[in-house]
């Protein structure tokens, strides 16, 4: 029905906003942006019932948004050379998004402050048998 289609379109617009613009915000700015998306973009049913939007990831197998913890179990810290990467929900969600982009040969630019985990993430993905990466370090 039309109402369900509109709810789904609102959900896709809201989650696209979180994944694109919202991911560029500083952590302390994210709750305000999420509140805006819930109040102004999402259907009231989704706005009230969904868990934190930054913790959701699109599961292509089911065609639904699910919490990262439902898709991937968090693991022990990833040790590599002289670095340790703790598989937090944010790390898991980010590496899932990155794998999706790499799977379609999309160019990716990793930017962040020193020590934010860019090199560790690359090393982790390079060690994965299912990931083929070509990269340039600046």
Protein backbone atom coordinates (compact mmCIF):
# COMPACT_ATOMS: atom_id res chain seq x y z
CA UNK A 1 0.00 0.00 0.00
CA UNK A 2 1.03 3.66 -0.42
CA UNK A 3 1.59 4.22 3.30
CA UNK A 4 4.06 1.34 3.55
CA UNK A 5 5.94 2.49 0.45
CA UNK A 6 6.23 6.01 1.90
CA UNK A 7 7.51 4.61 5.23
CA UNK A 8 10.17 2.57 3.41
CA UNK A 9 11.23 5.54 1.25
CA UNK A 10 11.51 7.72 4.37
CA UNK A 11 13.61 5.00 6.01
CA UNK A 12 15.95 4.79 3.01
CA UNK A 13 16.34 8.59 2.88
CA UNK A 14 16.99 8.74 6.62
CA UNK A 15 19.54 5.93 6.60
CA UNK A 16 21.24 7.36 3.50
CA UNK A 17 21.55 10.67 5.34
CA UNK A 18 23.09 8.95 8.36
CA UNK A 19 25.52 6.95 6.19
CA UNK A 20 26.65 9.87 4.06
CA UNK A 21 26.39 13.25 5.74
CA UNK A 22 25.90 11.94 9.26
CA UNK A 23 29.07 9.85 9.19
CA UNK A 24 31.11 13.01 8.57
CA UNK A 25 29.97 14.60 11.81
CA UNK A 26 31.99 14.58 15.00
CA UNK A 27 30.80 12.01 17.53
CA UNK A 28 29.37 14.67 19.84
CA UNK A 29 27.25 16.09 16.96
CA UNK A 30 25.70 12.77 15.95
CA UNK A 31 22.93 12.55 18.60
CA UNK A 32 21.51 15.91 17.50
CA UNK A 33 21.58 14.87 13.82
CA UNK A 34 19.98 11.51 14.64
CA UNK A 35 17.24 13.29 16.60
CA UNK A 36 16.60 15.51 13.57
CA UNK A 37 16.35 12.48 11.23
CA UNK A 38 13.99 10.69 13.62
CA UNK A 39 11.73 13.74 14.08
CA UNK A 40 11.73 15.23 10.57
CA UNK A 41 12.49 12.44 8.08
CA UNK A 42 11.44 9.04 9.40
CA UNK A 43 7.88 7.87 9.69
CA UNK A 44 6.80 8.15 13.37
CA UNK A 45 6.64 4.35 13.64
CA UNK A 46 10.31 4.00 12.61
CA UNK A 47 11.34 7.14 14.49
CA UNK A 48 10.18 5.66 17.79
CA UNK A 49 10.93 1.98 17.31
CA UNK A 50 14.37 1.74 15.68
CA UNK A 51 17.52 1.28 17.77
CA UNK A 52 20.28 3.92 17.43
CA UNK A 53 20.55 4.70 13.71
CA UNK A 54 24.35 4.84 13.70
CA UNK A 55 24.39 1.21 14.84
CA UNK A 56 22.30 -0.01 11.90
CA UNK A 57 23.63 -1.60 8.75
CA UNK A 58 21.80 -2.77 5.64
CA UNK A 59 21.83 -6.55 5.46
CA UNK A 60 21.60 -7.41 1.76
CA UNK A 61 20.64 -11.02 2.52
CA UNK A 62 17.42 -10.04 4.28
CA UNK A 63 16.87 -6.62 2.69
CA UNK A 64 16.45 -5.01 6.10
CA UNK A 65 18.37 -2.72 8.42
CA UNK A 66 19.81 -4.57 11.39
CA UNK A 67 22.02 -3.70 14.31
CA UNK A 68 25.67 -4.41 13.56
CA UNK A 69 25.82 -6.79 16.52
CA UNK A 70 23.11 -8.94 14.91
CA UNK A 71 25.11 -9.28 11.69
CA UNK A 72 28.65 -9.72 12.99
CA UNK A 73 29.72 -10.98 16.35
CA UNK A 74 32.32 -8.74 17.94
CA UNK A 75 35.58 -10.57 18.32
CA UNK A 76 38.75 -10.48 20.31
CA UNK A 77 41.18 -7.65 19.50
CA UNK A 78 42.84 -7.99 16.10
CA UNK A 79 46.60 -8.12 16.51
CA UNK A 80 48.86 -7.32 13.61
CA UNK A 81 52.53 -6.46 13.79
CA UNK A 82 52.78 -3.59 16.24
CA UNK A 83 49.13 -2.59 16.18
CA UNK A 84 46.03 -3.77 17.96
CA UNK A 85 42.55 -3.10 16.67
CA UNK A 86 39.58 -3.63 18.94
CA UNK A 87 36.58 -4.79 16.94
CA UNK A 88 34.08 -2.27 18.26
CA UNK A 89 30.64 -1.89 16.69
CA UNK A 90 31.88 1.24 14.91
CA UNK A 91 34.94 -0.59 13.49
CA UNK A 92 32.85 -3.55 12.33
CA UNK A 93 30.26 -1.29 10.69
CA UNK A 94 32.98 0.74 8.99
CA UNK A 95 34.86 -2.26 7.64
CA UNK A 96 31.58 -3.75 6.37
CA UNK A 97 30.87 -0.51 4.46
CA UNK A 98 34.43 -0.45 3.16
CA UNK A 99 34.21 -4.06 1.96
CA UNK A 100 31.01 -3.19 0.07
CA UNK A 101 32.74 -0.31 -1.71
CA UNK A 102 35.78 -2.45 -2.53
CA UNK A 103 33.54 -5.21 -3.89
CA UNK A 104 32.22 -2.84 -6.58
CA UNK A 105 35.69 -1.38 -7.27
CA UNK A 106 34.69 2.03 -5.93
CA UNK A 107 37.58 4.36 -5.11
CA UNK A 108 37.87 4.97 -1.37
CA UNK A 109 39.71 7.70 0.53
CA UNK A 110 40.40 7.03 4.20
CA UNK A 111 40.85 10.24 6.14
CA UNK A 112 41.27 10.74 9.86
CA UNK A 113 43.51 12.02 12.57
CA UNK A 114 46.76 10.30 13.44
CA UNK A 115 46.11 7.10 15.35
CA UNK A 116 42.48 6.75 14.26
CA UNK A 117 43.10 3.31 12.72
CA UNK A 118 43.37 3.92 8.97
CA UNK A 119 46.55 1.89 8.52
CA UNK A 120 45.40 -0.80 10.92
CA UNK A 121 42.16 -1.18 8.97
CA UNK A 122 44.10 -1.52 5.70
CA UNK A 123 46.42 -4.10 7.25
CA UNK A 124 43.41 -6.00 8.56
CA UNK A 125 41.70 -6.01 5.17
CA UNK A 126 44.93 -6.96 3.38
CA UNK A 127 45.17 -10.02 5.63
CA UNK A 128 41.66 -11.12 4.64
CA UNK A 129 41.65 -13.74 1.86
CA UNK A 130 38.42 -12.36 0.38
CA UNK A 131 39.66 -8.79 -0.09
CA UNK A 132 41.77 -7.58 -3.00
CA UNK A 133 43.03 -4.04 -2.42
CA UNK A 134 45.21 -1.68 -4.38
CA UNK A 135 46.17 1.34 -2.34
CA UNK A 136 48.41 4.38 -2.16
CA UNK A 137 49.61 5.86 1.12
CA UNK A 138 50.00 9.65 1.35
